[in-house]
Amino acid sequence: MGLKDLTRRLRATVDELDDERMQSRFAALHVTRLADLQPRVHATVAGEITRSRLAPRSGVPSFEITISDGTGQAVAVFTGRRHVAGMELHRALTIEGVARAERGRLVMLNPAYTLLPR
């Protein structure tokens, strides 16, 4: 680690350092970056779960997770589920499906997912 790198890391915020860590972690997976995710196009993305919540959709319970890869965010919605085993905060995973724009965010409904090793 050089002096310039040390100085940059000391001046960076915690969020900036966390984004850098996630970007380097998911770069080797050869998936679409969340910043490059387009609506209505099939894609595979990877990220860490930053938020989870239970939100009803048309009276049916739905488990929602927000994932981030350091470049952007997307929401995965699992309809008819109150929980998905293994999905907890800061867990890394890949999701595959077609995103759509909904209320200013990209949402994938019932995507295929793979939990990554810790």
N, C-alpha and C. Protein backbone atom coordinates (compact mmCIF):
# COMPACT_ATOMS: atom_id res chain seq x y z
N MET A 1 0.86 -1.17 0.00
CA MET A 1 0.00 0.00 0.00
C MET A 1 0.90 1.23 0.00
N GLY A 2 0.73 2.07 -1.03
CA GLY A 2 1.54 3.27 -1.15
C GLY A 2 0.99 4.40 -0.32
N LEU A 3 1.77 5.45 -0.23
CA LEU A 3 1.38 6.62 0.56
C LEU A 3 0.13 7.29 -0.03
N LYS A 4 0.03 7.36 -1.35
CA LYS A 4 -1.16 7.96 -1.98
C LYS A 4 -2.41 7.16 -1.66
N ASP A 5 -2.29 5.83 -1.72
CA ASP A 5 -3.43 4.97 -1.42
C ASP A 5 -3.84 5.11 0.04
N LEU A 6 -2.89 5.16 0.93
CA LEU A 6 -3.17 5.32 2.35
C LEU A 6 -3.86 6.65 2.62
N THR A 7 -3.37 7.72 2.00
CA THR A 7 -3.98 9.04 2.17
C THR A 7 -5.41 9.05 1.65
N ARG A 8 -5.64 8.43 0.48
CA ARG A 8 -6.99 8.38 -0.10
C ARG A 8 -7.93 7.60 0.81
N ARG A 9 -7.46 6.48 1.35
CA ARG A 9 -8.31 5.67 2.22
C ARG A 9 -8.62 6.38 3.54
N LEU A 10 -7.69 7.16 4.05
CA LEU A 10 -7.93 7.89 5.29
C LEU A 10 -8.94 9.02 5.10
N ARG A 11 -9.00 9.59 3.90
CA ARG A 11 -9.92 10.69 3.62
C ARG A 11 -11.30 10.21 3.15
N ALA A 12 -11.42 8.96 2.75
CA ALA A 12 -12.67 8.43 2.23
C ALA A 12 -13.67 8.19 3.36
N THR A 13 -14.96 8.30 3.02
CA THR A 13 -16.00 8.01 4.00
C THR A 13 -16.17 6.49 4.12
N VAL A 14 -16.88 6.08 5.13
CA VAL A 14 -17.13 4.65 5.34
C VAL A 14 -17.93 4.09 4.17
N ASP A 15 -18.91 4.85 3.67
CA ASP A 15 -19.72 4.40 2.54
C ASP A 15 -18.87 4.21 1.28
N GLU A 16 -17.95 5.12 1.02
CA GLU A 16 -17.07 5.00 -0.14
C GLU A 16 -16.18 3.76 -0.03
N LEU A 17 -15.65 3.50 1.15
CA LEU A 17 -14.82 2.31 1.35
C LEU A 17 -15.63 1.03 1.19
N ASP A 18 -16.87 1.04 1.68
CA ASP A 18 -17.74 -0.12 1.56
C ASP A 18 -18.10 -0.37 0.09
N ASP A 19 -18.37 0.69 -0.67
CA ASP A 19 -18.66 0.55 -2.10
C ASP A 19 -17.46 -0.04 -2.84
N GLU A 20 -16.25 0.42 -2.53
CA GLU A 20 -15.04 -0.12 -3.16
C GLU A 20 -14.87 -1.60 -2.85
N ARG A 21 -15.12 -1.96 -1.59
CA ARG A 21 -14.99 -3.36 -1.18
C ARG A 21 -15.97 -4.25 -1.95
N MET A 22 -17.22 -3.80 -2.08
CA MET A 22 -18.20 -4.60 -2.80
C MET A 22 -17.89 -4.68 -4.29
N GLN A 23 -17.44 -3.57 -4.88
CA GLN A 23 -17.10 -3.59 -6.31
C GLN A 23 -16.00 -4.59 -6.60
N SER A 24 -14.97 -4.61 -5.76
CA SER A 24 -13.87 -5.55 -5.99
C SER A 24 -14.32 -7.00 -5.72
N ARG A 25 -15.24 -7.20 -4.79
CA ARG A 25 -15.71 -8.54 -4.48
C ARG A 25 -16.50 -9.16 -5.63
N PHE A 26 -17.33 -8.36 -6.30
CA PHE A 26 -18.21 -8.91 -7.34
C PHE A 26 -17.66 -8.75 -8.75
N ALA A 27 -16.51 -8.11 -8.91
CA ALA A 27 -15.93 -7.91 -10.25
C ALA A 27 -15.54 -9.23 -10.90
N ALA A 28 -15.11 -10.19 -10.12
CA ALA A 28 -14.64 -11.47 -10.67
C ALA A 28 -15.78 -12.41 -11.08
N LEU A 29 -17.02 -12.07 -10.77
CA LEU A 29 -18.14 -12.98 -11.06
C LEU A 29 -18.67 -12.87 -12.49
N HIS A 30 -18.23 -11.87 -13.25
CA HIS A 30 -18.68 -11.69 -14.64
C HIS A 30 -20.20 -11.60 -14.74
N VAL A 31 -20.78 -10.73 -13.95
CA VAL A 31 -22.21 -10.46 -13.99
C VAL A 31 -22.43 -9.00 -14.36
N THR A 32 -23.66 -8.63 -14.64
CA THR A 32 -23.99 -7.24 -14.95
C THR A 32 -23.90 -6.39 -13.70
N ARG A 33 -23.22 -5.26 -13.79
CA ARG A 33 -23.17 -4.34 -12.65
C ARG A 33 -24.56 -3.73 -12.47
N LEU A 34 -24.95 -3.45 -11.24
CA LEU A 34 -26.26 -2.88 -10.99
C LEU A 34 -26.41 -1.50 -11.63
N ALA A 35 -25.32 -0.75 -11.77
CA ALA A 35 -25.39 0.54 -12.44
C ALA A 35 -25.73 0.39 -13.91
N ASP A 36 -25.41 -0.78 -14.50
CA ASP A 36 -25.66 -1.04 -15.92
C ASP A 36 -26.94 -1.82 -16.17
N LEU A 37 -27.68 -2.17 -15.13
CA LEU A 37 -28.90 -2.97 -15.26
C LEU A 37 -29.97 -2.16 -15.99
N GLN A 38 -30.54 -2.75 -17.03
CA GLN A 38 -31.57 -2.09 -17.83
C GLN A 38 -32.92 -2.76 -17.60
N PRO A 39 -34.00 -1.97 -17.57
CA PRO A 39 -35.34 -2.57 -17.45
C PRO A 39 -35.67 -3.41 -18.69
N ARG A 40 -36.45 -4.47 -18.47
CA ARG A 40 -36.97 -5.33 -19.53
C ARG A 40 -35.89 -6.09 -20.29
N VAL A 41 -34.74 -6.30 -19.66
CA VAL A 41 -33.65 -7.08 -20.25
C VAL A 41 -33.25 -8.16 -19.25
N HIS A 42 -33.16 -9.40 -19.71
CA HIS A 42 -32.76 -10.50 -18.83
C HIS A 42 -31.31 -10.29 -18.39
N ALA A 43 -31.05 -10.42 -17.09
CA ALA A 43 -29.69 -10.18 -16.58
C ALA A 43 -29.45 -10.99 -15.32
N THR A 44 -28.18 -11.20 -15.05
CA THR A 44 -27.73 -11.79 -13.79
C THR A 44 -26.88 -10.74 -13.09
N VAL A 45 -27.23 -10.45 -11.84
CA VAL A 45 -26.51 -9.45 -11.06
C VAL A 45 -26.11 -10.07 -9.73
N ALA A 46 -25.13 -9.47 -9.08
CA ALA A 46 -24.67 -9.95 -7.78
C ALA A 46 -24.59 -8.77 -6.83
N GLY A 47 -24.75 -9.04 -5.54
CA GLY A 47 -24.64 -7.98 -4.56
C GLY A 47 -24.85 -8.51 -3.15
N GLU A 48 -24.76 -7.60 -2.21
CA GLU A 48 -25.02 -7.92 -0.80
C GLU A 48 -26.38 -7.38 -0.41
N ILE A 49 -27.05 -8.10 0.45
CA ILE A 49 -28.36 -7.65 0.93
C ILE A 49 -28.13 -6.50 1.90
N THR A 50 -28.71 -5.35 1.58
CA THR A 50 -28.58 -4.18 2.43
C THR A 50 -29.86 -3.87 3.19
N ARG A 51 -30.98 -4.48 2.76
CA ARG A 51 -32.25 -4.22 3.41
C ARG A 51 -33.20 -5.36 3.11
N SER A 52 -34.02 -5.71 4.06
CA SER A 52 -35.07 -6.70 3.82
C SER A 52 -36.33 -6.24 4.54
N ARG A 53 -37.48 -6.58 3.94
CA ARG A 53 -38.74 -6.20 4.57
C ARG A 53 -39.87 -7.07 4.03
N LEU A 54 -40.94 -7.11 4.77
CA LEU A 54 -42.14 -7.82 4.38
C LEU A 54 -43.14 -6.77 3.93
N ALA A 55 -43.55 -6.83 2.67
CA ALA A 55 -44.46 -5.81 2.12
C ALA A 55 -45.57 -6.51 1.34
N PRO A 56 -46.82 -6.29 1.71
CA PRO A 56 -47.91 -6.93 0.97
C PRO A 56 -48.07 -6.33 -0.43
N ARG A 57 -48.34 -7.19 -1.39
CA ARG A 57 -48.64 -6.77 -2.77
C ARG A 57 -49.98 -7.37 -3.13
N SER A 58 -50.96 -6.52 -3.34
CA SER A 58 -52.32 -6.96 -3.68
C SER A 58 -52.86 -7.94 -2.65
N GLY A 59 -52.58 -7.70 -1.38
CA GLY A 59 -53.09 -8.53 -0.31
C GLY A 59 -52.31 -9.81 -0.07
N VAL A 60 -51.25 -10.05 -0.83
CA VAL A 60 -50.43 -11.26 -0.68
C VAL A 60 -49.10 -10.85 -0.05
N PRO A 61 -48.63 -11.59 0.97
CA PRO A 61 -47.35 -11.22 1.57
C PRO A 61 -46.22 -11.39 0.57
N SER A 62 -45.28 -10.46 0.61
CA SER A 62 -44.11 -10.50 -0.27
C SER A 62 -42.88 -10.14 0.51
N PHE A 63 -41.82 -10.92 0.32
CA PHE A 63 -40.54 -10.68 0.97
C PHE A 63 -39.68 -9.91 -0.02
N GLU A 64 -39.22 -8.71 0.38
CA GLU A 64 -38.41 -7.86 -0.49
C GLU A 64 -37.01 -7.72 0.09
N ILE A 65 -36.02 -7.82 -0.78
CA ILE A 65 -34.65 -7.53 -0.37
C ILE A 65 -34.08 -6.49 -1.32
N THR A 66 -33.26 -5.62 -0.79
CA THR A 66 -32.53 -4.66 -1.60
C THR A 66 -31.09 -5.12 -1.61
N ILE A 67 -30.51 -5.23 -2.82
CA ILE A 67 -29.11 -5.62 -2.93
C ILE A 67 -28.30 -4.48 -3.52
N SER A 68 -27.03 -4.45 -3.16
CA SER A 68 -26.11 -3.43 -3.66
C SER A 68 -24.79 -4.10 -4.00
N ASP A 69 -24.16 -3.61 -5.09
CA ASP A 69 -22.84 -4.11 -5.47
C ASP A 69 -21.80 -3.00 -5.44
N GLY A 70 -22.14 -1.87 -4.86
CA GLY A 70 -21.22 -0.74 -4.79
C GLY A 70 -21.40 0.24 -5.93
N THR A 71 -22.13 -0.17 -6.99
CA THR A 71 -22.38 0.73 -8.11
C THR A 71 -23.83 1.18 -8.17
N GLY A 72 -24.73 0.43 -7.56
CA GLY A 72 -26.15 0.75 -7.59
C GLY A 72 -26.93 -0.22 -6.72
N GLN A 73 -28.26 -0.11 -6.81
CA GLN A 73 -29.13 -0.97 -6.02
C GLN A 73 -30.25 -1.52 -6.88
N ALA A 74 -30.78 -2.66 -6.48
CA ALA A 74 -31.95 -3.27 -7.10
C ALA A 74 -32.74 -3.98 -6.01
N VAL A 75 -34.01 -4.21 -6.28
CA VAL A 75 -34.89 -4.87 -5.32
C VAL A 75 -35.35 -6.19 -5.92
N ALA A 76 -35.29 -7.25 -5.13
CA ALA A 76 -35.82 -8.56 -5.51
C ALA A 76 -37.05 -8.82 -4.65
N VAL A 77 -38.16 -9.18 -5.29
CA VAL A 77 -39.41 -9.42 -4.58
C VAL A 77 -39.80 -10.89 -4.76
N PHE A 78 -40.03 -11.55 -3.64
CA PHE A 78 -40.46 -12.95 -3.65
C PHE A 78 -41.91 -12.98 -3.17
N THR A 79 -42.85 -13.09 -4.12
CA THR A 79 -44.27 -13.01 -3.78
C THR A 79 -44.72 -14.29 -3.10
N GLY A 80 -45.65 -14.14 -2.18
CA GLY A 80 -46.19 -15.27 -1.45
C GLY A 80 -45.26 -15.83 -0.39
N ARG A 81 -44.20 -15.12 -0.08
CA ARG A 81 -43.21 -15.59 0.90
C ARG A 81 -43.10 -14.57 2.03
N ARG A 82 -42.95 -15.05 3.23
CA ARG A 82 -42.70 -14.16 4.37
C ARG A 82 -41.21 -14.14 4.71
N HIS A 83 -40.48 -15.13 4.23
CA HIS A 83 -39.05 -15.23 4.49
C HIS A 83 -38.44 -16.20 3.48
N VAL A 84 -37.18 -16.01 3.16
CA VAL A 84 -36.45 -16.96 2.32
C VAL A 84 -35.23 -17.40 3.13
N ALA A 85 -35.10 -18.68 3.33
CA ALA A 85 -34.02 -19.22 4.16
C ALA A 85 -32.66 -18.79 3.62
N GLY A 86 -31.80 -18.35 4.52
CA GLY A 86 -30.44 -17.96 4.16
C GLY A 86 -30.29 -16.50 3.77
N MET A 87 -31.39 -15.81 3.50
CA MET A 87 -31.30 -14.40 3.10
C MET A 87 -31.36 -13.52 4.33
N GLU A 88 -30.21 -13.00 4.69
CA GLU A 88 -30.10 -12.12 5.84
C GLU A 88 -29.19 -10.96 5.46
N LEU A 89 -29.18 -9.92 6.25
CA LEU A 89 -28.39 -8.73 5.94
C LEU A 89 -26.92 -9.08 5.73
N HIS A 90 -26.31 -8.44 4.74
CA HIS A 90 -24.90 -8.57 4.38
C HIS A 90 -24.56 -9.92 3.75
N ARG A 91 -25.55 -10.73 3.42
CA ARG A 91 -25.30 -11.99 2.72
C ARG A 91 -25.16 -11.69 1.24
N ALA A 92 -24.17 -12.27 0.60
CA ALA A 92 -23.94 -12.06 -0.83
C ALA A 92 -24.71 -13.11 -1.63
N LEU A 93 -25.24 -12.69 -2.78
CA LEU A 93 -25.98 -13.59 -3.63
C LEU A 93 -26.00 -13.09 -5.06
N THR A 94 -26.36 -13.97 -5.97
CA THR A 94 -26.62 -13.56 -7.34
C THR A 94 -28.10 -13.77 -7.59
N ILE A 95 -28.70 -12.89 -8.38
CA ILE A 95 -30.09 -13.05 -8.77
C ILE A 95 -30.16 -12.93 -10.29
N GLU A 96 -31.10 -13.67 -10.86
CA GLU A 96 -31.23 -13.71 -12.31
C GLU A 96 -32.70 -13.54 -12.67
N GLY A 97 -32.97 -12.62 -13.57
CA GLY A 97 -34.34 -12.37 -14.00
C GLY A 97 -34.42 -11.13 -14.87
N VAL A 98 -35.64 -10.65 -15.03
CA VAL A 98 -35.89 -9.46 -15.82
C VAL A 98 -36.33 -8.35 -14.87
N ALA A 99 -35.60 -7.25 -14.91
CA ALA A 99 -35.92 -6.12 -14.03
C ALA A 99 -36.95 -5.22 -14.70
N ARG A 100 -37.71 -4.53 -13.88
CA ARG A 100 -38.63 -3.52 -14.38
C ARG A 100 -38.55 -2.29 -13.49
N ALA A 101 -38.84 -1.15 -14.06
CA ALA A 101 -38.82 0.09 -13.29
C ALA A 101 -40.13 0.22 -12.53
N GLU A 102 -40.02 0.49 -11.25
CA GLU A 102 -41.21 0.62 -10.40
C GLU A 102 -40.93 1.65 -9.32
N ARG A 103 -41.63 2.77 -9.37
CA ARG A 103 -41.47 3.85 -8.38
C ARG A 103 -40.03 4.31 -8.26
N GLY A 104 -39.35 4.44 -9.38
CA GLY A 104 -37.99 4.96 -9.37
C GLY A 104 -36.92 3.97 -8.95
N ARG A 105 -37.24 2.70 -8.93
CA ARG A 105 -36.25 1.68 -8.58
C ARG A 105 -36.41 0.50 -9.53
N LEU A 106 -35.35 -0.29 -9.66
CA LEU A 106 -35.40 -1.49 -10.49
C LEU A 106 -35.80 -2.69 -9.63
N VAL A 107 -36.82 -3.41 -10.08
CA VAL A 107 -37.39 -4.51 -9.30
C VAL A 107 -37.39 -5.77 -10.15
N MET A 108 -36.97 -6.88 -9.54
CA MET A 108 -37.07 -8.21 -10.16
C MET A 108 -38.08 -9.01 -9.35
N LEU A 109 -39.11 -9.53 -10.02
CA LEU A 109 -40.12 -10.34 -9.34
C LEU A 109 -39.73 -11.81 -9.43
N ASN A 110 -39.72 -12.47 -8.30
CA ASN A 110 -39.41 -13.90 -8.17
C ASN A 110 -38.19 -14.33 -8.99
N PRO A 111 -37.04 -13.68 -8.75
CA PRO A 111 -35.86 -14.05 -9.53
C PRO A 111 -35.27 -15.38 -9.04
N ALA A 112 -34.53 -16.03 -9.93
CA ALA A 112 -33.73 -17.19 -9.52
C ALA A 112 -32.55 -16.62 -8.72
N TYR A 113 -32.16 -17.31 -7.67
CA TYR A 113 -31.08 -16.78 -6.84
C TYR A 113 -30.11 -17.89 -6.43
N THR A 114 -28.88 -17.46 -6.16
CA THR A 114 -27.85 -18.36 -5.65
C THR A 114 -27.16 -17.65 -4.51
N LEU A 115 -27.16 -18.25 -3.35
CA LEU A 115 -26.44 -17.67 -2.21
C LEU A 115 -24.97 -17.96 -2.37
N LEU A 116 -24.14 -16.94 -2.21
CA LEU A 116 -22.69 -17.10 -2.36
C LEU A 116 -22.07 -17.48 -1.01
N PRO A 117 -20.93 -18.17 -1.03
CA PRO A 117 -20.29 -18.54 0.23
C PRO A 117 -19.91 -17.30 1.03
N ARG A 118 -19.91 -17.45 2.31
CA ARG A 118 -19.57 -16.33 3.19
C ARG A 118 -18.11 -16.02 3.11
